[in-house]
Amino acid sequence: MGHMIEGEWRAGGLGVNDEGVFERKATSFRDRVRAEEVEAGRYRLYVSYACPWAHRCLIVRALRGLEDAIDVSVVHWFMGEDGWSFDPEAHVPVGLPGSGAGVVPDPDGASFLREVYRRAKADYTGRVTVPVLWDTKERRIVNNESREIVRMLDDEFRGLGDPETHFHPAALHERIEAAIDAIYEPINNGVYRAGFATAQAAYEQAVGELFGALDHWEGVLEEQEWLCGDRMTEADIFLFTTLIRFEPVYHYHFKCNRKRLRDYPRLWRHTRRIYALPGVAETVDFEHIKRHYFTSHESVNPSRVVPAGPELDLSL
């Protein structure tokens, strides 16, 4: 995955500890945009179509009607030893399938995302991840934590886009926070803990917690329309970006194969329901998703062969 030390890039592993457990490091830029600072064209999102964390931001940007107010740069689907790249071709190992279609360059000419981080902080130390919320006026990274970026797009950017679309109503604040917390470790991060585990015990614990959590939320959706009640919230979006990747990637690539998502009727309907919302399907790029996971994680899939399936009917 790689990281930076005092502004210099270092290639690295997957972040697995001595017990074979994958440990995700915390993000580094945690500032906020205030409503009075918001103006169309000032902020830019750096994303990957493959990344579920960046996908959260793209969905909220689309559903809130912020596409014209917030530009995006999109990295290539392949992430090798040099990290995320804006080069549509040159960094991809010879023989890998597909092209760089969908890449949207950095307007300032960066070849790699790490250059954007270095631009923000010359001696930066830490991981180089998406999403990134960039302030073009002050030339800085505001935030690279998806949960906080989504909240800003929903709250602080209310003067732009559709003011009637809101995924964090005050009355549901505590329920939303609790649901997001409950989903994160066993599901959002749990698929990675299973996929990157290098010890049987670590894998089995992650898979057990993952499917226990899926069973729980299947039960919740038996009783109510959405995760937090009768309306869609951030929690539904945060679950969706993992579920939409479950059949094409996590079930096979990360060995999360106790059940298929389609074996959970209500979670499967939940996924298709969000996918059907105007603008959401355009944020889902299965080509980027599958090629990224099956080719970038060489330790998990040494052959880098990308599976042909599955064929999914996402219509309601």
C-alpha atoms as a PDB file:
ATOM      1  CA  MET A   1       0.000   0.000   0.000  1.00  0.00           C
ATOM      2  CA  GLY A   2       2.855   2.361   0.754  1.00  0.00           C
ATOM      3  CA  HIS A   3       3.096   5.491   2.847  1.00  0.00           C
ATOM      4  CA  MET A   4       5.088   8.705   3.188  1.00  0.00           C
ATOM      5  CA  ILE A   5       7.766   9.572   5.717  1.00  0.00           C
ATOM      6  CA  GLU A   6       8.658  13.276   5.952  1.00  0.00           C
ATOM      7  CA  GLY A   7       7.469  13.828   2.393  1.00  0.00           C
ATOM      8  CA  GLU A   8       9.242  10.818   0.865  1.00  0.00           C
ATOM      9  CA  TRP A   9       7.371   7.818  -0.527  1.00  0.00           C
ATOM     10  CA  ARG A  10       7.980   4.354   0.916  1.00  0.00           C
ATOM     11  CA  ALA A  11       6.506   1.227  -0.625  1.00  0.00           C
ATOM     12  CA  GLY A  12       4.978  -1.044   1.980  1.00  0.00           C
ATOM     13  CA  GLY A  13       2.757  -3.975   2.790  1.00  0.00           C
ATOM     14  CA  LEU A  14      -0.899  -4.320   3.698  1.00  0.00           C
ATOM     15  CA  GLY A  15      -0.617  -3.296   7.364  1.00  0.00           C
ATOM     16  CA  VAL A  16      -0.896  -6.750   8.949  1.00  0.00           C
ATOM     17  CA  ASN A  17       0.406  -7.200  12.508  1.00  0.00           C
ATOM     18  CA  ASP A  18       2.350 -10.137  13.961  1.00  0.00           C
ATOM     19  CA  GLU A  19      -0.899 -12.002  14.715  1.00  0.00           C
ATOM     20  CA  GLY A  20      -1.946 -11.834  11.062  1.00  0.00           C
ATOM     21  CA  VAL A  21      -4.592  -9.174  11.738  1.00  0.00           C
ATOM     22  CA  PHE A  22      -5.123  -6.289   9.307  1.00  0.00           C
ATOM     23  CA  GLU A  23      -4.948  -2.925  11.090  1.00  0.00           C
ATOM     24  CA  ARG A  24      -6.261   0.187   9.334  1.00  0.00           C
ATOM     25  CA  LYS A  25      -4.357   3.326  10.299  1.00  0.00           C
ATOM     26  CA  ALA A  26      -6.208   6.528  11.162  1.00  0.00           C
ATOM     27  CA  THR A  27      -6.499   9.354   8.649  1.00  0.00           C
ATOM     28  CA  SER A  28      -4.436  12.505   9.152  1.00  0.00           C
ATOM     29  CA  PHE A  29      -6.249  15.600   7.835  1.00  0.00           C
ATOM     30  CA  ARG A  30      -9.271  16.334  10.005  1.00  0.00           C
ATOM     31  CA  ASP A  31     -10.156  19.993   9.452  1.00  0.00           C
ATOM     32  CA  ARG A  32     -13.666  21.146   8.542  1.00  0.00           C
ATOM     33  CA  VAL A  33     -15.310  23.376   5.973  1.00  0.00           C
ATOM     34  CA  ARG A  34     -17.683  25.910   7.527  1.00  0.00           C
ATOM     35  CA  ALA A  35     -20.889  26.952   5.788  1.00  0.00           C
ATOM     36  CA  GLU A  36     -19.665  30.534   5.449  1.00  0.00           C
ATOM     37  CA  GLU A  37     -16.574  29.310   3.545  1.00  0.00           C
ATOM     38  CA  VAL A  38     -18.527  27.286   0.983  1.00  0.00           C
ATOM     39  CA  GLU A  39     -18.647  28.523  -2.599  1.00  0.00           C
ATOM     40  CA  ALA A  40     -19.147  26.706  -5.888  1.00  0.00           C
ATOM     41  CA  GLY A  41     -15.869  25.633  -7.479  1.00  0.00           C
ATOM     42  CA  ARG A  42     -13.717  26.174  -4.397  1.00  0.00           C
ATOM     43  CA  TYR A  43     -13.433  22.530  -3.311  1.00  0.00           C
ATOM     44  CA  ARG A  44     -12.348  19.427  -5.189  1.00  0.00           C
ATOM     45  CA  LEU A  45     -12.704  15.744  -4.344  1.00  0.00           C
ATOM     46  CA  TYR A  46      -9.949  13.258  -5.126  1.00  0.00           C
ATOM     47  CA  VAL A  47     -11.509   9.804  -5.383  1.00  0.00           C
ATOM     48  CA  SER A  48     -11.191   6.268  -6.663  1.00  0.00           C
ATOM     49  CA  TYR A  49     -14.220   4.558  -8.177  1.00  0.00           C
ATOM     50  CA  ALA A  50     -12.891   1.350  -6.650  1.00  0.00           C
ATOM     51  CA  CYS A  51     -12.722   2.624  -3.067  1.00  0.00           C
ATOM     52  CA  PRO A  52     -15.847   2.212  -0.907  1.00  0.00           C
ATOM     53  CA  TRP A  53     -14.795   5.107   1.350  1.00  0.00           C
ATOM     54  CA  ALA A  54     -14.481   7.526  -1.579  1.00  0.00           C
ATOM     55  CA  HIS A  55     -17.685   6.113  -3.045  1.00  0.00           C
ATOM     56  CA  ARG A  56     -19.627   7.422  -0.042  1.00  0.00           C
ATOM     57  CA  CYS A  57     -18.640  10.958  -0.979  1.00  0.00           C
ATOM     58  CA  LEU A  58     -19.488  10.501  -4.658  1.00  0.00           C
ATOM     59  CA  ILE A  59     -22.979   9.258  -3.781  1.00  0.00           C
ATOM     60  CA  VAL A  60     -23.745  12.158  -1.454  1.00  0.00           C
ATOM     61  CA  ARG A  61     -22.327  14.592  -4.007  1.00  0.00           C
ATOM     62  CA  ALA A  62     -24.683  13.115  -6.628  1.00  0.00           C
ATOM     63  CA  LEU A  63     -27.786  12.862  -4.470  1.00  0.00           C
ATOM     64  CA  ARG A  64     -27.347  16.368  -3.096  1.00  0.00           C
ATOM     65  CA  GLY A  65     -26.907  17.800  -6.597  1.00  0.00           C
ATOM     66  CA  LEU A  66     -23.372  19.063  -5.976  1.00  0.00           C
ATOM     67  CA  GLU A  67     -21.759  17.834  -9.209  1.00  0.00           C
ATOM     68  CA  ASP A  68     -21.520  21.346 -10.668  1.00  0.00           C
ATOM     69  CA  ALA A  69     -20.280  22.832  -7.392  1.00  0.00           C
ATOM     70  CA  ILE A  70     -17.567  20.288  -6.517  1.00  0.00           C
ATOM     71  CA  ASP A  71     -15.184  18.959  -9.181  1.00  0.00           C
ATOM     72  CA  VAL A  72     -13.539  15.546  -8.931  1.00  0.00           C
ATOM     73  CA  SER A  73     -10.233  13.992  -9.889  1.00  0.00           C
ATOM     74  CA  VAL A  74     -10.312  10.203 -10.304  1.00  0.00           C
ATOM     75  CA  VAL A  75      -7.256   7.979  -9.875  1.00  0.00           C
ATOM     76  CA  HIS A  76      -6.515   4.901 -11.956  1.00  0.00           C
ATOM     77  CA  TRP A  77      -7.992   1.612 -10.752  1.00  0.00           C
ATOM     78  CA  PHE A  78      -4.569  -0.015 -10.327  1.00  0.00           C
ATOM     79  CA  MET A  79      -2.693   0.734  -7.112  1.00  0.00           C
ATOM     80  CA  GLY A  80       0.818  -0.680  -7.112  1.00  0.00           C
ATOM     81  CA  GLU A  81       3.990   0.104  -5.193  1.00  0.00           C
ATOM     82  CA  ASP A  82       3.755   3.754  -6.223  1.00  0.00           C
ATOM     83  CA  GLY A  83       0.251   4.168  -4.772  1.00  0.00           C
ATOM     84  CA  TRP A  84      -2.694   5.846  -6.460  1.00  0.00           C
ATOM     85  CA  SER A  85      -1.837   7.356  -9.855  1.00  0.00           C
ATOM     86  CA  PHE A  86      -3.434   9.725 -12.363  1.00  0.00           C
ATOM     87  CA  ASP A  87      -1.490   8.182 -15.263  1.00  0.00           C
ATOM     88  CA  PRO A  88      -4.042   6.334 -17.427  1.00  0.00           C
ATOM     89  CA  GLU A  89      -1.565   3.735 -18.701  1.00  0.00           C
ATOM     90  CA  ALA A  90       2.123   3.877 -17.895  1.00  0.00           C
ATOM     91  CA  HIS A  91       2.151   2.540 -14.336  1.00  0.00           C
ATOM     92  CA  VAL A  92       0.054  -0.566 -15.059  1.00  0.00           C
ATOM     93  CA  PRO A  93       2.093  -3.805 -15.197  1.00  0.00           C
ATOM     94  CA  VAL A  94       2.354  -5.316 -18.658  1.00  0.00           C
ATOM     95  CA  GLY A  95      -0.346  -7.868 -19.327  1.00  0.00           C
ATOM     96  CA  LEU A  96      -3.054  -6.493 -17.055  1.00  0.00           C
ATOM     97  CA  PRO A  97      -6.444  -6.151 -18.747  1.00  0.00           C
ATOM     98  CA  GLY A  98      -8.199  -2.927 -19.582  1.00  0.00           C
ATOM     99  CA  SER A  99      -7.311   0.705 -19.957  1.00  0.00           C
ATOM    100  CA  GLY A 100      -7.306   3.872 -17.949  1.00  0.00           C
ATOM    101  CA  ALA A 101     -10.811   4.879 -19.001  1.00  0.00           C
ATOM    102  CA  GLY A 102     -12.454   6.934 -16.290  1.00  0.00           C
ATOM    103  CA  VAL A 103      -9.277   8.549 -14.958  1.00  0.00           C
ATOM    104  CA  VAL A 104      -9.749  12.285 -14.362  1.00  0.00           C
ATOM    105  CA  PRO A 105      -6.358  14.037 -13.971  1.00  0.00           C
ATOM    106  CA  ASP A 106      -5.259  16.379 -11.251  1.00  0.00           C
ATOM    107  CA  PRO A 107      -5.682  19.905 -12.680  1.00  0.00           C
ATOM    108  CA  ASP A 108      -2.269  20.887 -11.300  1.00  0.00           C
ATOM    109  CA  GLY A 109      -0.510  18.059 -13.112  1.00  0.00           C
ATOM    110  CA  ALA A 110       0.264  15.578 -10.338  1.00  0.00           C
ATOM    111  CA  SER A 111       1.169  12.121 -11.604  1.00  0.00           C
ATOM    112  CA  PHE A 112       0.501  10.449  -8.253  1.00  0.00           C
ATOM    113  CA  LEU A 113      -1.853  11.241  -5.389  1.00  0.00           C
ATOM    114  CA  ARG A 114       1.117  11.431  -3.047  1.00  0.00           C
ATOM    115  CA  GLU A 115       2.126  14.643  -4.833  1.00  0.00           C
ATOM    116  CA  VAL A 116      -1.163  16.217  -3.748  1.00  0.00           C
ATOM    117  CA  TYR A 117      -0.377  15.235  -0.151  1.00  0.00           C
ATOM    118  CA  ARG A 118       3.135  16.648  -0.472  1.00  0.00           C
ATOM    119  CA  ARG A 119       1.699  19.832  -1.987  1.00  0.00           C
ATOM    120  CA  ALA A 120      -0.436  20.224   1.126  1.00  0.00           C
ATOM    121  CA  LYS A 121       2.367  19.363   3.582  1.00  0.00           C
ATOM    122  CA  ALA A 122       5.932  19.077   2.318  1.00  0.00           C
ATOM    123  CA  ASP A 123       7.061  16.889   5.235  1.00  0.00           C
ATOM    124  CA  TYR A 124       3.880  14.794   5.419  1.00  0.00           C
ATOM    125  CA  THR A 125       4.142  11.447   7.198  1.00  0.00           C
ATOM    126  CA  GLY A 126       1.319   8.935   6.880  1.00  0.00           C
ATOM    127  CA  ARG A 127      -0.885   7.015   4.454  1.00  0.00           C
ATOM    128  CA  VAL A 128      -1.927   8.409   1.065  1.00  0.00           C
ATOM    129  CA  THR A 129      -5.608   7.588   0.723  1.00  0.00           C
ATOM    130  CA  VAL A 130      -8.823   8.625  -0.970  1.00  0.00           C
ATOM    131  CA  PRO A 131     -11.103  10.459  -0.565  1.00  0.00           C
ATOM    132  CA  VAL A 132      -9.439  13.838  -0.228  1.00  0.00           C
ATOM    133  CA  LEU A 133     -11.315  17.121   0.068  1.00  0.00           C
ATOM    134  CA  TRP A 134      -9.042  19.825  -1.386  1.00  0.00           C
ATOM    135  CA  ASP A 135      -9.452  23.579  -0.950  1.00  0.00           C
ATOM    136  CA  THR A 136      -8.367  25.169  -4.245  1.00  0.00           C
ATOM    137  CA  LYS A 137      -8.397  28.657  -2.725  1.00  0.00           C
ATOM    138  CA  GLU A 138      -6.081  27.949   0.221  1.00  0.00           C
ATOM    139  CA  ARG A 139      -4.213  25.124  -1.586  1.00  0.00           C
ATOM    140  CA  ARG A 140      -4.597  22.613   1.212  1.00  0.00           C
ATOM    141  CA  ILE A 141      -6.142  19.291   2.122  1.00  0.00           C
ATOM    142  CA  VAL A 142      -9.096  20.022   4.338  1.00  0.00           C
ATOM    143  CA  ASN A 143      -9.945  16.437   5.222  1.00  0.00           C
ATOM    144  CA  ASN A 144      -9.279  12.858   4.137  1.00  0.00           C
ATOM    145  CA  GLU A 145     -11.747  11.064   6.426  1.00  0.00           C
ATOM    146  CA  SER A 146     -14.799   9.939   4.429  1.00  0.00           C
ATOM    147  CA  ARG A 147     -17.229  10.026   7.342  1.00  0.00           C
ATOM    148  CA  GLU A 148     -16.401  13.653   8.050  1.00  0.00           C
ATOM    149  CA  ILE A 149     -16.386  14.691   4.383  1.00  0.00           C
ATOM    150  CA  VAL A 150     -19.865  13.195   3.902  1.00  0.00           C
ATOM    151  CA  ARG A 151     -21.153  15.094   6.931  1.00  0.00           C
ATOM    152  CA  MET A 152     -19.747  18.344   5.561  1.00  0.00           C
ATOM    153  CA  LEU A 153     -21.312  17.766   2.142  1.00  0.00           C
ATOM    154  CA  ASP A 154     -24.621  17.122   3.856  1.00  0.00           C
ATOM    155  CA  ASP A 155     -24.515  19.951   6.415  1.00  0.00           C
ATOM    156  CA  GLU A 156     -22.073  22.710   5.495  1.00  0.00           C
ATOM    157  CA  PHE A 157     -22.813  22.593   1.752  1.00  0.00           C
ATOM    158  CA  ARG A 158     -26.558  23.021   2.232  1.00  0.00           C
ATOM    159  CA  GLY A 159     -26.407  26.406   0.522  1.00  0.00           C
ATOM    160  CA  LEU A 160     -25.525  24.578  -2.699  1.00  0.00           C
ATOM    161  CA  GLY A 161     -27.328  21.764  -4.472  1.00  0.00           C
ATOM    162  CA  ASP A 162     -30.712  20.450  -3.381  1.00  0.00           C
ATOM    163  CA  PRO A 163     -31.607  21.863   0.061  1.00  0.00           C
ATOM    164  CA  GLU A 164     -34.392  19.294   0.515  1.00  0.00           C
ATOM    165  CA  THR A 165     -32.028  16.319   0.324  1.00  0.00           C
ATOM    166  CA  HIS A 166     -30.536  15.625   3.726  1.00  0.00           C
ATOM    167  CA  PHE A 167     -29.076  12.417   5.156  1.00  0.00           C
ATOM    168  CA  HIS A 168     -28.337  13.537   8.711  1.00  0.00           C
ATOM    169  CA  PRO A 169     -31.527  14.924  10.299  1.00  0.00           C
ATOM    170  CA  ALA A 170     -30.945  16.221  13.812  1.00  0.00           C
ATOM    171  CA  ALA A 171     -33.728  14.079  15.254  1.00  0.00           C
ATOM    172  CA  LEU A 172     -31.908  10.905  14.172  1.00  0.00           C
ATOM    173  CA  HIS A 173     -28.372  12.008  15.067  1.00  0.00           C
ATOM    174  CA  GLU A 174     -27.761   9.478  17.834  1.00  0.00           C
ATOM    175  CA  ARG A 175     -29.273   6.592  15.870  1.00  0.00           C
ATOM    176  CA  ILE A 176     -27.232   7.440  12.796  1.00  0.00           C
ATOM    177  CA  GLU A 177     -23.983   7.687  14.751  1.00  0.00           C
ATOM    178  CA  ALA A 178     -24.670   4.398  16.530  1.00  0.00           C
ATOM    179  CA  ALA A 179     -25.537   2.627  13.263  1.00  0.00           C
ATOM    180  CA  ILE A 180     -22.424   3.903  11.466  1.00  0.00           C
ATOM    181  CA  ASP A 181     -20.251   2.808  14.395  1.00  0.00           C
ATOM    182  CA  ALA A 182     -21.911  -0.608  14.469  1.00  0.00           C
ATOM    183  CA  ILE A 183     -21.463  -1.127  10.719  1.00  0.00           C
ATOM    184  CA  TYR A 184     -17.860   0.032  10.455  1.00  0.00           C
ATOM    185  CA  GLU A 185     -15.735  -2.577  12.205  1.00  0.00           C
ATOM    186  CA  PRO A 186     -17.544  -5.840  11.389  1.00  0.00           C
ATOM    187  CA  ILE A 187     -18.736  -4.930   7.862  1.00  0.00           C
ATOM    188  CA  ASN A 188     -17.009  -1.934   6.227  1.00  0.00           C
ATOM    189  CA  ASN A 189     -13.618  -2.853   7.661  1.00  0.00           C
ATOM    190  CA  GLY A 190     -14.516  -6.471   8.358  1.00  0.00           C
ATOM    191  CA  VAL A 191     -14.293  -7.545   4.715  1.00  0.00           C
ATOM    192  CA  TYR A 192     -10.714  -6.200   4.649  1.00  0.00           C
ATOM    193  CA  ARG A 193      -9.876  -7.884   7.951  1.00  0.00           C
ATOM    194  CA  ALA A 194     -11.022 -11.162   6.420  1.00  0.00           C
ATOM    195  CA  GLY A 195      -9.342 -10.621   3.059  1.00  0.00           C
ATOM    196  CA  PHE A 196      -5.985  -9.431   4.347  1.00  0.00           C
ATOM    197  CA  ALA A 197      -5.736 -11.833   7.296  1.00  0.00           C
ATOM    198  CA  THR A 198      -2.616 -13.979   7.199  1.00  0.00           C
ATOM    199  CA  ALA A 199      -3.611 -16.273  10.077  1.00  0.00           C
ATOM    200  CA  GLN A 200      -6.576 -18.654  10.208  1.00  0.00           C
ATOM    201  CA  ALA A 201      -7.764 -17.402  13.585  1.00  0.00           C
ATOM    202  CA  ALA A 202      -7.734 -13.772  12.448  1.00  0.00           C
ATOM    203  CA  TYR A 203      -9.663 -14.692   9.303  1.00  0.00           C
ATOM    204  CA  GLU A 204     -12.276 -16.747  11.143  1.00  0.00           C
ATOM    205  CA  GLN A 205     -12.867 -14.029  13.703  1.00  0.00           C
ATOM    206  CA  ALA A 206     -13.349 -11.409  11.001  1.00  0.00           C
ATOM    207  CA  VAL A 207     -15.693 -13.601   8.942  1.00  0.00           C
ATOM    208  CA  GLY A 208     -17.718 -14.546  12.007  1.00  0.00           C
ATOM    209  CA  GLU A 209     -18.186 -10.914  12.993  1.00  0.00           C
ATOM    210  CA  LEU A 210     -18.991  -9.925   9.397  1.00  0.00           C
ATOM    211  CA  PHE A 211     -21.802 -12.422   8.919  1.00  0.00           C
ATOM    212  CA  GLY A 212     -23.088 -11.893  12.439  1.00  0.00           C
ATOM    213  CA  ALA A 213     -23.461  -8.204  11.613  1.00  0.00           C
ATOM    214  CA  LEU A 214     -25.103  -8.930   8.249  1.00  0.00           C
ATOM    215  CA  ASP A 215     -27.569 -11.226  10.023  1.00  0.00           C
ATOM    216  CA  HIS A 216     -28.331  -8.429  12.479  1.00  0.00           C
ATOM    217  CA  TRP A 217     -29.032  -5.773   9.858  1.00  0.00           C
ATOM    218  CA  GLU A 218     -31.104  -8.222   7.814  1.00  0.00           C
ATOM    219  CA  GLY A 219     -33.260  -8.505  10.922  1.00  0.00           C
ATOM    220  CA  VAL A 220     -33.440  -4.750  11.350  1.00  0.00           C
ATOM    221  CA  LEU A 221     -34.699  -4.360   7.794  1.00  0.00           C
ATOM    222  CA  GLU A 222     -37.435  -6.902   8.500  1.00  0.00           C
ATOM    223  CA  GLU A 223     -38.888  -4.404  10.962  1.00  0.00           C
ATOM    224  CA  GLN A 224     -38.310  -1.055   9.225  1.00  0.00           C
ATOM    225  CA  GLU A 225     -37.649   0.485   5.816  1.00  0.00           C
ATOM    226  CA  TRP A 226     -34.158   1.843   6.456  1.00  0.00           C
ATOM    227  CA  LEU A 227     -31.370   1.221   8.955  1.00  0.00           C
ATOM    228  CA  CYS A 228     -32.376   4.107  11.204  1.00  0.00           C
ATOM    229  CA  GLY A 229     -36.132   4.133  10.685  1.00  0.00           C
ATOM    230  CA  ASP A 230     -38.429   5.343   7.948  1.00  0.00           C
ATOM    231  CA  ARG A 231     -35.974   7.435   5.942  1.00  0.00           C
ATOM    232  CA  MET A 232     -32.625   6.955   4.232  1.00  0.00           C
ATOM    233  CA  THR A 233     -29.620   8.302   6.128  1.00  0.00           C
ATOM    234  CA  GLU A 234     -25.830   8.343   5.957  1.00  0.00           C
ATOM    235  CA  ALA A 235     -25.834   4.895   7.587  1.00  0.00           C
ATOM    236  CA  ASP A 236     -27.636   3.380   4.589  1.00  0.00           C
ATOM    237  CA  ILE A 237     -25.111   4.908   2.193  1.00  0.00           C
ATOM    238  CA  PHE A 238     -22.164   3.696   4.276  1.00  0.00           C
ATOM    239  CA  LEU A 239     -23.529   0.150   4.263  1.00  0.00           C
ATOM    240  CA  PHE A 240     -24.368   0.308   0.548  1.00  0.00           C
ATOM    241  CA  THR A 241     -20.803   0.967  -0.615  1.00  0.00           C
ATOM    242  CA  THR A 242     -19.685  -2.285   1.003  1.00  0.00           C
ATOM    243  CA  LEU A 243     -22.715  -4.300  -0.113  1.00  0.00           C
ATOM    244  CA  ILE A 244     -22.466  -3.229  -3.775  1.00  0.00           C
ATOM    245  CA  ARG A 245     -18.929  -4.695  -3.813  1.00  0.00           C
ATOM    246  CA  PHE A 246     -19.856  -7.860  -1.945  1.00  0.00           C
ATOM    247  CA  GLU A 247     -20.855 -10.145  -4.830  1.00  0.00           C
ATOM    248  CA  PRO A 248     -18.258  -9.036  -7.421  1.00  0.00           C
ATOM    249  CA  VAL A 249     -15.294  -8.799  -5.018  1.00  0.00           C
ATOM    250  CA  TYR A 250     -15.547  -9.593  -1.313  1.00  0.00           C
ATOM    251  CA  HIS A 251     -17.353 -12.924  -1.628  1.00  0.00           C
ATOM    252  CA  TYR A 252     -14.557 -14.353  -3.811  1.00  0.00           C
ATOM    253  CA  HIS A 253     -11.451 -12.226  -3.427  1.00  0.00           C
ATOM    254  CA  PHE A 254     -11.656 -11.731   0.351  1.00  0.00           C
ATOM    255  CA  LYS A 255     -13.086 -15.209   1.098  1.00  0.00           C
ATOM    256  CA  CYS A 256     -16.291 -13.760   2.575  1.00  0.00           C
ATOM    257  CA  ASN A 257     -18.164 -16.737   1.193  1.00  0.00           C
ATOM    258  CA  ARG A 258     -20.275 -18.090   4.024  1.00  0.00           C
ATOM    259  CA  LYS A 259     -23.268 -16.616   2.188  1.00  0.00           C
ATOM    260  CA  ARG A 260     -23.891 -14.448  -0.854  1.00  0.00           C
ATOM    261  CA  LEU A 261     -25.491 -11.050  -0.498  1.00  0.00           C
ATOM    262  CA  ARG A 262     -28.383 -12.427  -2.534  1.00  0.00           C
ATOM    263  CA  ASP A 263     -29.010 -14.883   0.303  1.00  0.00           C
ATOM    264  CA  TYR A 264     -30.084 -11.883   2.403  1.00  0.00           C
ATOM    265  CA  PRO A 265     -33.365 -10.779   0.757  1.00  0.00           C
ATOM    266  CA  ARG A 266     -33.706  -7.502   2.630  1.00  0.00           C
ATOM    267  CA  LEU A 267     -30.064  -6.441   2.370  1.00  0.00           C
ATOM    268  CA  TRP A 268     -30.150  -7.336  -1.327  1.00  0.00           C
ATOM    269  CA  ARG A 269     -33.266  -5.206  -1.797  1.00  0.00           C
ATOM    270  CA  HIS A 270     -31.647  -2.394   0.214  1.00  0.00           C
ATOM    271  CA  THR A 271     -28.669  -2.464  -2.165  1.00  0.00           C
ATOM    272  CA  ARG A 272     -30.813  -2.438  -5.303  1.00  0.00           C
ATOM    273  CA  ARG A 273     -33.046   0.277  -3.874  1.00  0.00           C
ATOM    274  CA  ILE A 274     -30.152   2.697  -3.364  1.00  0.00           C
ATOM    275  CA  TYR A 275     -28.592   1.735  -6.698  1.00  0.00           C
ATOM    276  CA  ALA A 276     -31.862   2.738  -8.398  1.00  0.00           C
ATOM    277  CA  LEU A 277     -31.808   6.285  -6.995  1.00  0.00           C
ATOM    278  CA  PRO A 278     -31.111   8.956  -9.654  1.00  0.00           C
ATOM    279  CA  GLY A 279     -27.372   9.480 -10.058  1.00  0.00           C
ATOM    280  CA  VAL A 280     -26.188   6.551  -7.925  1.00  0.00           C
ATOM    281  CA  ALA A 281     -25.625   4.015 -10.720  1.00  0.00           C
ATOM    282  CA  GLU A 282     -23.301   6.533 -12.400  1.00  0.00           C
ATOM    283  CA  THR A 283     -21.053   6.421  -9.317  1.00  0.00           C
ATOM    284  CA  VAL A 284     -20.722   2.617  -9.481  1.00  0.00           C
ATOM    285  CA  ASP A 285     -17.970   1.495 -11.857  1.00  0.00           C
ATOM    286  CA  PHE A 286     -17.670  -2.281 -11.658  1.00  0.00           C
ATOM    287  CA  GLU A 287     -14.774  -2.263 -14.114  1.00  0.00           C
ATOM    288  CA  HIS A 288     -12.692  -0.083 -11.786  1.00  0.00           C
ATOM    289  CA  ILE A 289     -13.871  -2.024  -8.735  1.00  0.00           C
ATOM    290  CA  LYS A 290     -13.018  -5.503 -10.004  1.00  0.00           C
ATOM    291  CA  ARG A 291      -9.781  -4.556 -11.723  1.00  0.00           C
ATOM    292  CA  HIS A 292      -8.534  -2.694  -8.675  1.00  0.00           C
ATOM    293  CA  TYR A 293      -9.084  -5.457  -6.144  1.00  0.00           C
ATOM    294  CA  PHE A 294      -8.057  -8.426  -8.257  1.00  0.00           C
ATOM    295  CA  THR A 295      -4.895  -6.799  -9.661  1.00  0.00           C
ATOM    296  CA  SER A 296      -3.701  -4.462  -6.906  1.00  0.00           C
ATOM    297  CA  HIS A 297      -3.664  -7.041  -4.089  1.00  0.00           C
ATOM    298  CA  GLU A 298      -0.955  -9.303  -5.460  1.00  0.00           C
ATOM    299  CA  SER A 299      -0.495 -11.074  -2.129  1.00  0.00           C
ATOM    300  CA  VAL A 300      -4.167 -12.083  -2.183  1.00  0.00           C
ATOM    301  CA  ASN A 301      -4.414 -12.837  -5.931  1.00  0.00           C
ATOM    302  CA  PRO A 302      -0.892 -13.495  -7.283  1.00  0.00           C
ATOM    303  CA  SER A 303      -2.115 -14.344 -10.788  1.00  0.00           C
ATOM    304  CA  ARG A 304      -3.918 -10.968 -11.086  1.00  0.00           C
ATOM    305  CA  VAL A 305      -6.557 -12.734 -13.182  1.00  0.00           C
ATOM    306  CA  VAL A 306      -9.849 -10.796 -13.049  1.00  0.00           C
ATOM    307  CA  PRO A 307     -12.959 -13.017 -12.870  1.00  0.00           C
ATOM    308  CA  ALA A 308     -15.563 -12.687 -15.606  1.00  0.00           C
ATOM    309  CA  GLY A 309     -18.577 -12.690 -13.267  1.00  0.00           C
ATOM    310  CA  PRO A 310     -20.827 -12.537 -11.488  1.00  0.00           C
ATOM    311  CA  GLU A 311     -23.776 -11.404 -13.564  1.00  0.00           C
ATOM    312  CA  LEU A 312     -25.940  -9.223 -11.337  1.00  0.00           C
ATOM    313  CA  ASP A 313     -29.473  -7.973 -11.908  1.00  0.00           C
ATOM    314  CA  LEU A 314     -29.631  -4.776  -9.854  1.00  0.00           C
ATOM    315  CA  SER A 315     -33.078  -3.766 -11.040  1.00  0.00           C
ATOM    316  CA  LEU A 316     -35.868  -3.552  -8.459  1.00  0.00           C
END
